[in-house]
PDB file of N, CA and C in Angstrom:
ATOM      1  N   MET A   1      15.390  -8.521 -15.576  1.00  0.00           N
ATOM      2  CA  MET A   1      14.113  -7.877 -15.752  1.00  0.00           C
ATOM      3  C   MET A   1      13.080  -8.450 -14.793  1.00  0.00           C
ATOM      4  N   ASN A   2      13.269  -9.698 -14.357  1.00  0.00           N
ATOM      5  CA  ASN A   2      12.333 -10.297 -13.426  1.00  0.00           C
ATOM      6  C   ASN A   2      12.366  -9.646 -12.054  1.00  0.00           C
ATOM      7  N   ASP A   3      13.467  -8.952 -11.728  1.00  0.00           N
ATOM      8  CA  ASP A   3      13.547  -8.312 -10.433  1.00  0.00           C
ATOM      9  C   ASP A   3      12.633  -7.097 -10.337  1.00  0.00           C
ATOM     10  N   LEU A   4      12.090  -6.630 -11.460  1.00  0.00           N
ATOM     11  CA  LEU A   4      11.166  -5.502 -11.440  1.00  0.00           C
ATOM     12  C   LEU A   4       9.767  -5.924 -11.018  1.00  0.00           C
ATOM     13  N   LEU A   5       9.465  -7.206 -11.144  1.00  0.00           N
ATOM     14  CA  LEU A   5       8.153  -7.692 -10.770  1.00  0.00           C
ATOM     15  C   LEU A   5       8.122  -7.985  -9.280  1.00  0.00           C
ATOM     16  N   ALA A   6       7.083  -7.489  -8.632  1.00  0.00           N
ATOM     17  CA  ALA A   6       6.949  -7.729  -7.199  1.00  0.00           C
ATOM     18  C   ALA A   6       6.341  -9.106  -6.969  1.00  0.00           C
ATOM     19  N   ALA A   7       6.784  -9.754  -5.916  1.00  0.00           N
ATOM     20  CA  ALA A   7       6.243 -11.062  -5.574  1.00  0.00           C
ATOM     21  C   ALA A   7       4.806 -10.898  -5.082  1.00  0.00           C
ATOM     22  N   LYS A   8       3.927 -11.764  -5.555  1.00  0.00           N
ATOM     23  CA  LYS A   8       2.530 -11.713  -5.146  1.00  0.00           C
ATOM     24  C   LYS A   8       2.408 -12.332  -3.760  1.00  0.00           C
ATOM     25  N   PRO A   9       1.699 -11.668  -2.842  1.00  0.00           N
ATOM     26  CA  PRO A   9       1.573 -12.234  -1.495  1.00  0.00           C
ATOM     27  C   PRO A   9       0.753 -13.527  -1.522  1.00  0.00           C
ATOM     28  N   SER A  10       1.067 -14.422  -0.614  1.00  0.00           N
ATOM     29  CA  SER A  10       0.365 -15.703  -0.557  1.00  0.00           C
ATOM     30  C   SER A  10      -1.055 -15.497  -0.039  1.00  0.00           C
ATOM     31  N   SER A  11      -1.907 -16.473  -0.319  1.00  0.00           N
ATOM     32  CA  SER A  11      -3.291 -16.369   0.152  1.00  0.00           C
ATOM     33  C   SER A  11      -3.346 -16.453   1.680  1.00  0.00           C
ATOM     34  N   ALA A  12      -2.404 -17.184   2.291  1.00  0.00           N
ATOM     35  CA  ALA A  12      -2.358 -17.257   3.756  1.00  0.00           C
ATOM     36  C   ALA A  12      -2.045 -15.883   4.356  1.00  0.00           C
ATOM     37  N   TRP A  13      -1.112 -15.162   3.750  1.00  0.00           N
ATOM     38  CA  TRP A  13      -0.768 -13.825   4.255  1.00  0.00           C
ATOM     39  C   TRP A  13      -1.939 -12.873   4.077  1.00  0.00           C
ATOM     40  N   THR A  14      -2.605 -12.951   2.935  1.00  0.00           N
ATOM     41  CA  THR A  14      -3.758 -12.087   2.685  1.00  0.00           C
ATOM     42  C   THR A  14      -4.860 -12.372   3.705  1.00  0.00           C
ATOM     43  N   MET A  15      -5.139 -13.638   3.952  1.00  0.00           N
ATOM     44  CA  MET A  15      -6.161 -14.003   4.940  1.00  0.00           C
ATOM     45  C   MET A  15      -5.760 -13.522   6.325  1.00  0.00           C
ATOM     46  N   PHE A  16      -4.492 -13.655   6.680  1.00  0.00           N
ATOM     47  CA  PHE A  16      -4.001 -13.182   7.983  1.00  0.00           C
ATOM     48  C   PHE A  16      -4.220 -11.685   8.127  1.00  0.00           C
ATOM     49  N   THR A  17      -3.916 -10.908   7.091  1.00  0.00           N
ATOM     50  CA  THR A  17      -4.071  -9.454   7.202  1.00  0.00           C
ATOM     51  C   THR A  17      -5.535  -9.062   7.344  1.00  0.00           C
ATOM     52  N   TYR A  18      -6.433  -9.732   6.607  1.00  0.00           N
ATOM     53  CA  TYR A  18      -7.867  -9.447   6.760  1.00  0.00           C
ATOM     54  C   TYR A  18      -8.338  -9.810   8.177  1.00  0.00           C
ATOM     55  N   LEU A  19      -7.927 -10.966   8.651  1.00  0.00           N
ATOM     56  CA  LEU A  19      -8.318 -11.400   9.983  1.00  0.00           C
ATOM     57  C   LEU A  19      -7.754 -10.453  11.043  1.00  0.00           C
ATOM     58  N   ASN A  20      -6.528 -10.028  10.868  1.00  0.00           N
ATOM     59  CA  ASN A  20      -5.896  -9.093  11.788  1.00  0.00           C
ATOM     60  C   ASN A  20      -6.686  -7.786  11.842  1.00  0.00           C
ATOM     61  N   PHE A  21      -7.106  -7.289  10.691  1.00  0.00           N
ATOM     62  CA  PHE A  21      -7.889  -6.056  10.642  1.00  0.00           C
ATOM     63  C   PHE A  21      -9.225  -6.228  11.348  1.00  0.00           C
ATOM     64  N   VAL A  22      -9.899  -7.341  11.083  1.00  0.00           N
ATOM     65  CA  VAL A  22     -11.213  -7.580  11.702  1.00  0.00           C
ATOM     66  C   VAL A  22     -11.087  -7.667  13.221  1.00  0.00           C
ATOM     67  N   VAL A  23     -10.094  -8.391  13.709  1.00  0.00           N
ATOM     68  CA  VAL A  23      -9.893  -8.514  15.158  1.00  0.00           C
ATOM     69  C   VAL A  23      -9.610  -7.139  15.769  1.00  0.00           C
ATOM     70  N   ALA A  24      -8.750  -6.353  15.126  1.00  0.00           N
ATOM     71  CA  ALA A  24      -8.431  -5.019  15.653  1.00  0.00           C
ATOM     72  C   ALA A  24      -9.669  -4.117  15.648  1.00  0.00           C
ATOM     73  N   ALA A  25     -10.476  -4.188  14.584  1.00  0.00           N
ATOM     74  CA  ALA A  25     -11.679  -3.360  14.503  1.00  0.00           C
ATOM     75  C   ALA A  25     -12.688  -3.761  15.584  1.00  0.00           C
ATOM     76  N   VAL A  26     -12.861  -5.063  15.802  1.00  0.00           N
ATOM     77  CA  VAL A  26     -13.788  -5.537  16.840  1.00  0.00           C
ATOM     78  C   VAL A  26     -13.298  -5.114  18.218  1.00  0.00           C
ATOM     79  N   MET A  27     -11.997  -5.223  18.453  1.00  0.00           N
ATOM     80  CA  MET A  27     -11.458  -4.822  19.746  1.00  0.00           C
ATOM     81  C   MET A  27     -11.627  -3.312  19.969  1.00  0.00           C
ATOM     82  N   MET A  28     -11.401  -2.516  18.934  1.00  0.00           N
ATOM     83  CA  MET A  28     -11.579  -1.069  19.058  1.00  0.00           C
ATOM     84  C   MET A  28     -13.044  -0.727  19.308  1.00  0.00           C
ATOM     85  N   ALA A  29     -13.949  -1.362  18.563  1.00  0.00           N
ATOM     86  CA  ALA A  29     -15.378  -1.102  18.742  1.00  0.00           C
ATOM     87  C   ALA A  29     -15.822  -1.514  20.145  1.00  0.00           C
ATOM     88  N   GLY A  30     -15.353  -2.669  20.609  1.00  0.00           N
ATOM     89  CA  GLY A  30     -15.694  -3.107  21.966  1.00  0.00           C
ATOM     90  C   GLY A  30     -15.157  -2.163  23.027  1.00  0.00           C
ATOM     91  N   GLY A  31     -13.933  -1.715  22.819  1.00  0.00           N
ATOM     92  CA  GLY A  31     -13.341  -0.776  23.773  1.00  0.00           C
ATOM     93  C   GLY A  31     -14.107   0.534  23.837  1.00  0.00           C
ATOM     94  N   ILE A  32     -14.542   1.028  22.694  1.00  0.00           N
ATOM     95  CA  ILE A  32     -15.314   2.273  22.671  1.00  0.00           C
ATOM     96  C   ILE A  32     -16.692   2.040  23.279  1.00  0.00           C
ATOM     97  N   TYR A  33     -17.309   0.910  22.969  1.00  0.00           N
ATOM     98  CA  TYR A  33     -18.659   0.618  23.468  1.00  0.00           C
ATOM     99  C   TYR A  33     -18.675   0.519  24.987  1.00  0.00           C
ATOM    100  N   PHE A  34     -17.683  -0.175  25.551  1.00  0.00           N
ATOM    101  CA  PHE A  34     -17.662  -0.382  27.000  1.00  0.00           C
ATOM    102  C   PHE A  34     -16.946   0.737  27.758  1.00  0.00           C
ATOM    103  N   LEU A  35     -16.509   1.761  27.057  1.00  0.00           N
ATOM    104  CA  LEU A  35     -15.840   2.890  27.695  1.00  0.00           C
ATOM    105  C   LEU A  35     -16.814   3.627  28.606  1.00  0.00           C
ATOM    106  N   GLU A  36     -16.347   3.957  29.792  1.00  0.00           N
ATOM    107  CA  GLU A  36     -17.198   4.702  30.729  1.00  0.00           C
ATOM    108  C   GLU A  36     -17.050   6.184  30.428  1.00  0.00           C
ATOM    109  N   ALA A  37     -17.758   6.623  29.392  1.00  0.00           N
ATOM    110  CA  ALA A  37     -17.706   8.029  28.986  1.00  0.00           C
ATOM    111  C   ALA A  37     -19.053   8.395  28.387  1.00  0.00           C
ATOM    112  N   SER A  38     -19.220   9.675  28.132  1.00  0.00           N
ATOM    113  CA  SER A  38     -20.475  10.138  27.544  1.00  0.00           C
ATOM    114  C   SER A  38     -20.596   9.647  26.100  1.00  0.00           C
ATOM    115  N   PHE A  39     -21.809   9.698  25.599  1.00  0.00           N
ATOM    116  CA  PHE A  39     -22.058   9.281  24.222  1.00  0.00           C
ATOM    117  C   PHE A  39     -21.256  10.152  23.239  1.00  0.00           C
ATOM    118  N   ALA A  40     -21.116  11.433  23.535  1.00  0.00           N
ATOM    119  CA  ALA A  40     -20.351  12.335  22.677  1.00  0.00           C
ATOM    120  C   ALA A  40     -18.873  11.946  22.645  1.00  0.00           C
ATOM    121  N   ALA A  41     -18.327  11.577  23.784  1.00  0.00           N
ATOM    122  CA  ALA A  41     -16.912  11.158  23.838  1.00  0.00           C
ATOM    123  C   ALA A  41     -16.719   9.865  23.067  1.00  0.00           C
ATOM    124  N   LYS A  42     -17.665   8.923  23.209  1.00  0.00           N
ATOM    125  CA  LYS A  42     -17.588   7.675  22.458  1.00  0.00           C
ATOM    126  C   LYS A  42     -17.658   7.950  20.953  1.00  0.00           C
ATOM    127  N   GLY A  43     -18.517   8.883  20.569  1.00  0.00           N
ATOM    128  CA  GLY A  43     -18.622   9.260  19.153  1.00  0.00           C
ATOM    129  C   GLY A  43     -17.324   9.861  18.636  1.00  0.00           C
ATOM    130  N   PHE A  44     -16.694  10.691  19.453  1.00  0.00           N
ATOM    131  CA  PHE A  44     -15.418  11.285  19.070  1.00  0.00           C
ATOM    132  C   PHE A  44     -14.364  10.209  18.847  1.00  0.00           C
ATOM    133  N   TYR A  45     -14.276   9.253  19.783  1.00  0.00           N
ATOM    134  CA  TYR A  45     -13.300   8.166  19.641  1.00  0.00           C
ATOM    135  C   TYR A  45     -13.596   7.297  18.425  1.00  0.00           C
ATOM    136  N   ALA A  46     -14.869   7.041  18.173  1.00  0.00           N
ATOM    137  CA  ALA A  46     -15.244   6.234  17.000  1.00  0.00           C
ATOM    138  C   ALA A  46     -14.861   6.953  15.703  1.00  0.00           C
ATOM    139  N   MET A  47     -15.125   8.250  15.622  1.00  0.00           N
ATOM    140  CA  MET A  47     -14.739   9.014  14.419  1.00  0.00           C
ATOM    141  C   MET A  47     -13.228   9.051  14.263  1.00  0.00           C
ATOM    142  N   ALA A  48     -12.505   9.201  15.365  1.00  0.00           N
ATOM    143  CA  ALA A  48     -11.044   9.219  15.300  1.00  0.00           C
ATOM    144  C   ALA A  48     -10.511   7.871  14.814  1.00  0.00           C
ATOM    145  N   ALA A  49     -11.108   6.770  15.281  1.00  0.00           N
ATOM    146  CA  ALA A  49     -10.680   5.440  14.845  1.00  0.00           C
ATOM    147  C   ALA A  49     -10.940   5.253  13.355  1.00  0.00           C
ATOM    148  N   LEU A  50     -12.108   5.662  12.880  1.00  0.00           N
ATOM    149  CA  LEU A  50     -12.422   5.547  11.446  1.00  0.00           C
ATOM    150  C   LEU A  50     -11.487   6.414  10.606  1.00  0.00           C
ATOM    151  N   MET A  51     -11.182   7.608  11.082  1.00  0.00           N
ATOM    152  CA  MET A  51     -10.269   8.491  10.356  1.00  0.00           C
ATOM    153  C   MET A  51      -8.863   7.901  10.319  1.00  0.00           C
ATOM    154  N   LEU A  52      -8.442   7.279  11.400  1.00  0.00           N
ATOM    155  CA  LEU A  52      -7.122   6.651  11.450  1.00  0.00           C
ATOM    156  C   LEU A  52      -7.021   5.506  10.441  1.00  0.00           C
ATOM    157  N   VAL A  53      -8.054   4.678  10.371  1.00  0.00           N
ATOM    158  CA  VAL A  53      -8.065   3.582   9.398  1.00  0.00           C
ATOM    159  C   VAL A  53      -8.058   4.131   7.978  1.00  0.00           C
ATOM    160  N   SER A  54      -8.882   5.129   7.723  1.00  0.00           N
ATOM    161  CA  SER A  54      -8.962   5.727   6.388  1.00  0.00           C
ATOM    162  C   SER A  54      -7.636   6.360   5.966  1.00  0.00           C
ATOM    163  N   SER A  55      -7.013   7.113   6.858  1.00  0.00           N
ATOM    164  CA  SER A  55      -5.755   7.768   6.505  1.00  0.00           C
ATOM    165  C   SER A  55      -4.620   6.748   6.360  1.00  0.00           C
ATOM    166  N   THR A  56      -4.665   5.661   7.124  1.00  0.00           N
ATOM    167  CA  THR A  56      -3.660   4.606   6.977  1.00  0.00           C
ATOM    168  C   THR A  56      -3.769   3.956   5.607  1.00  0.00           C
ATOM    169  N   ALA A  57      -4.987   3.676   5.164  1.00  0.00           N
ATOM    170  CA  ALA A  57      -5.193   3.102   3.832  1.00  0.00           C
ATOM    171  C   ALA A  57      -4.726   4.062   2.752  1.00  0.00           C
ATOM    172  N   ALA A  58      -5.019   5.345   2.913  1.00  0.00           N
ATOM    173  CA  ALA A  58      -4.629   6.341   1.914  1.00  0.00           C
ATOM    174  C   ALA A  58      -3.114   6.491   1.817  1.00  0.00           C
ATOM    175  N   ILE A  59      -2.421   6.554   2.947  1.00  0.00           N
ATOM    176  CA  ILE A  59      -0.973   6.716   2.899  1.00  0.00           C
ATOM    177  C   ILE A  59      -0.298   5.460   2.364  1.00  0.00           C
ATOM    178  N   THR A  60      -0.849   4.292   2.683  1.00  0.00           N
ATOM    179  CA  THR A  60      -0.304   3.047   2.142  1.00  0.00           C
ATOM    180  C   THR A  60      -0.432   3.017   0.628  1.00  0.00           C
ATOM    181  N   LYS A  61      -1.587   3.437   0.119  1.00  0.00           N
ATOM    182  CA  LYS A  61      -1.795   3.484  -1.325  1.00  0.00           C
ATOM    183  C   LYS A  61      -0.856   4.492  -1.978  1.00  0.00           C
ATOM    184  N   SER A  62      -0.674   5.636  -1.351  1.00  0.00           N
ATOM    185  CA  SER A  62       0.218   6.651  -1.908  1.00  0.00           C
ATOM    186  C   SER A  62       1.656   6.148  -1.985  1.00  0.00           C
ATOM    187  N   ILE A  63       2.119   5.488  -0.943  1.00  0.00           N
ATOM    188  CA  ILE A  63       3.483   4.946  -0.939  1.00  0.00           C
ATOM    189  C   ILE A  63       3.628   3.875  -2.013  1.00  0.00           C
ATOM    190  N   ARG A  64       2.640   2.992  -2.125  1.00  0.00           N
ATOM    191  CA  ARG A  64       2.691   1.927  -3.132  1.00  0.00           C
ATOM    192  C   ARG A  64       2.675   2.515  -4.547  1.00  0.00           C
ATOM    193  N   ASP A  65       1.814   3.521  -4.774  1.00  0.00           N
ATOM    194  CA  ASP A  65       1.750   4.143  -6.093  1.00  0.00           C
ATOM    195  C   ASP A  65       3.060   4.829  -6.466  1.00  0.00           C
ATOM    196  N   ALA A  66       3.692   5.477  -5.496  1.00  0.00           N
ATOM    197  CA  ALA A  66       4.976   6.127  -5.757  1.00  0.00           C
ATOM    198  C   ALA A  66       6.043   5.093  -6.101  1.00  0.00           C
ATOM    199  N   GLU A  67       6.033   3.973  -5.399  1.00  0.00           N
ATOM    200  CA  GLU A  67       6.995   2.899  -5.667  1.00  0.00           C
ATOM    201  C   GLU A  67       6.781   2.306  -7.055  1.00  0.00           C
ATOM    202  N   GLU A  68       5.521   2.058  -7.416  1.00  0.00           N
ATOM    203  CA  GLU A  68       5.228   1.510  -8.745  1.00  0.00           C
ATOM    204  C   GLU A  68       5.598   2.496  -9.843  1.00  0.00           C
ATOM    205  N   SER A  69       5.358   3.775  -9.606  1.00  0.00           N
ATOM    206  CA  SER A  69       5.715   4.803 -10.577  1.00  0.00           C
ATOM    207  C   SER A  69       7.222   4.855 -10.778  1.00  0.00           C
ATOM    208  N   GLN A  70       7.971   4.773  -9.683  1.00  0.00           N
ATOM    209  CA  GLN A  70       9.435   4.791  -9.767  1.00  0.00           C
ATOM    210  C   GLN A  70       9.938   3.556 -10.514  1.00  0.00           C
ATOM    211  N   ARG A  71       9.312   2.415 -10.254  1.00  0.00           N
ATOM    212  CA  ARG A  71       9.689   1.185 -10.946  1.00  0.00           C
ATOM    213  C   ARG A  71       9.460   1.312 -12.445  1.00  0.00           C
ATOM    214  N   LEU A  72       8.307   1.874 -12.837  1.00  0.00           N
ATOM    215  CA  LEU A  72       7.995   2.068 -14.251  1.00  0.00           C
ATOM    216  C   LEU A  72       8.963   3.064 -14.880  1.00  0.00           C
ATOM    217  N   HIS A  73       9.271   4.139 -14.153  1.00  0.00           N
ATOM    218  CA  HIS A  73      10.211   5.151 -14.655  1.00  0.00           C
ATOM    219  C   HIS A  73      11.583   4.520 -14.899  1.00  0.00           C
ATOM    220  N   ASN A  74      12.042   3.695 -13.964  1.00  0.00           N
ATOM    221  CA  ASN A  74      13.335   3.027 -14.123  1.00  0.00           C
ATOM    222  C   ASN A  74      13.320   2.073 -15.304  1.00  0.00           C
ATOM    223  N   LYS A  75      12.205   1.385 -15.513  1.00  0.00           N
ATOM    224  CA  LYS A  75      12.081   0.443 -16.621  1.00  0.00           C
ATOM    225  C   LYS A  75      12.138   1.192 -17.962  1.00  0.00           C
ATOM    226  N   ILE A  76      11.488   2.338 -18.042  1.00  0.00           N
ATOM    227  CA  ILE A  76      11.507   3.151 -19.262  1.00  0.00           C
ATOM    228  C   ILE A  76      12.912   3.674 -19.530  1.00  0.00           C
ATOM    229  N   ASP A  77      13.583   4.167 -18.490  1.00  0.00           N
ATOM    230  CA  ASP A  77      14.965   4.647 -18.649  1.00  0.00           C
ATOM    231  C   ASP A  77      15.891   3.532 -19.119  1.00  0.00           C
ATOM    232  N   GLU A  78      15.697   2.340 -18.575  1.00  0.00           N
ATOM    233  CA  GLU A  78      16.523   1.200 -18.978  1.00  0.00           C
ATOM    234  C   GLU A  78      16.284   0.854 -20.445  1.00  0.00           C
ATOM    235  N   ALA A  79      15.042   0.907 -20.886  1.00  0.00           N
ATOM    236  CA  ALA A  79      14.716   0.609 -22.287  1.00  0.00           C
ATOM    237  C   ALA A  79      15.322   1.676 -23.216  1.00  0.00           C
ATOM    238  N   ARG A  80      15.264   2.936 -22.806  1.00  0.00           N
ATOM    239  CA  ARG A  80      15.858   4.014 -23.616  1.00  0.00           C
ATOM    240  C   ARG A  80      17.364   3.835 -23.738  1.00  0.00           C
ATOM    241  N   THR A  81      18.006   3.506 -22.628  1.00  0.00           N
ATOM    242  CA  THR A  81      19.452   3.302 -22.636  1.00  0.00           C
ATOM    243  C   THR A  81      19.821   2.123 -23.534  1.00  0.00           C
ATOM    244  N   GLU A  82      19.057   1.056 -23.428  1.00  0.00           N
ATOM    245  CA  GLU A  82      19.319  -0.125 -24.250  1.00  0.00           C
ATOM    246  C   GLU A  82      19.150   0.198 -25.738  1.00  0.00           C
ATOM    247  N   ARG A  83      18.118   0.957 -26.072  1.00  0.00           N
ATOM    248  CA  ARG A  83      17.895   1.343 -27.467  1.00  0.00           C
ATOM    249  C   ARG A  83      19.033   2.230 -27.971  1.00  0.00           C
ATOM    250  N   LEU A  84      19.480   3.157 -27.146  1.00  0.00           N
ATOM    251  CA  LEU A  84      20.582   4.035 -27.527  1.00  0.00           C
ATOM    252  C   LEU A  84      21.861   3.230 -27.750  1.00  0.00           C
ATOM    253  N   LEU A  85      22.119   2.281 -26.879  1.00  0.00           N
ATOM    254  CA  LEU A  85      23.307   1.431 -27.051  1.00  0.00           C
ATOM    255  C   LEU A  85      23.210   0.598 -28.312  1.00  0.00           C
ATOM    256  N   MET A  86      22.023   0.116 -28.633  1.00  0.00           N
ATOM    257  CA  MET A  86      21.831  -0.678 -29.854  1.00  0.00           C
ATOM    258  C   MET A  86      22.099   0.185 -31.094  1.00  0.00           C
ATOM    259  N   GLU A  87      21.637   1.445 -31.052  1.00  0.00           N
ATOM    260  CA  GLU A  87      21.852   2.358 -32.175  1.00  0.00           C
ATOM    261  C   GLU A  87      23.331   2.681 -32.351  1.00  0.00           C
ATOM    262  N   VAL A  88      24.040   2.836 -31.251  1.00  0.00           N
ATOM    263  CA  VAL A  88      25.469   3.170 -31.310  1.00  0.00           C
ATOM    264  C   VAL A  88      26.268   1.975 -31.803  1.00  0.00           C
ATOM    265  N   ASN A  89      25.891   0.770 -31.413  1.00  0.00           N
ATOM    266  CA  ASN A  89      26.654  -0.413 -31.760  1.00  0.00           C
ATOM    267  C   ASN A  89      26.342  -1.004 -33.143  1.00  0.00           C
ATOM    268  N   THR A  90      25.266  -0.582 -33.758  1.00  0.00           N
ATOM    269  CA  THR A  90      24.937  -1.139 -35.088  1.00  0.00           C
ATOM    270  C   THR A  90      25.756  -0.432 -36.145  1.00  0.00           C
ATOM    271  N   PRO A  91      26.382  -1.220 -37.026  1.00  0.00           N
ATOM    272  CA  PRO A  91      27.175  -0.598 -38.109  1.00  0.00           C
ATOM    273  C   PRO A  91      26.256   0.024 -39.152  1.00  0.00           C
ATOM    274  N   ARG A  92      26.666   1.154 -39.637  1.00  0.00           N
ATOM    275  CA  ARG A  92      25.877   1.853 -40.672  1.00  0.00           C
ATOM    276  C   ARG A  92      26.475   1.530 -42.034  1.00  0.00           C
ATOM    277  N   SER A  93      25.592   1.264 -42.982  1.00  0.00           N
ATOM    278  CA  SER A  93      26.101   0.947 -44.320  1.00  0.00           C
ATOM    279  C   SER A  93      25.997   2.096 -45.271  1.00  0.00           C
TER     280      SER A  93
END
């Protein structure tokens, strides 16, 4: 039953992912700022970058939610099977 629980990420990994995101966001913002293009083109790239980050977060959440739902569904099925086996194996008086 312990295999159903996901391992909690370490604080070092969490800090690394936040730092990685901040560095990538700063690099993207700097690249757009120093781009030799019109203000409208820079705005388009900035909106595209924000949309990419937003959609990445949304798809990650959707995948995680589907995985957790499947895990819960499997746990419920296992409990039902165990209960059915207990009912079959108990002698009736």
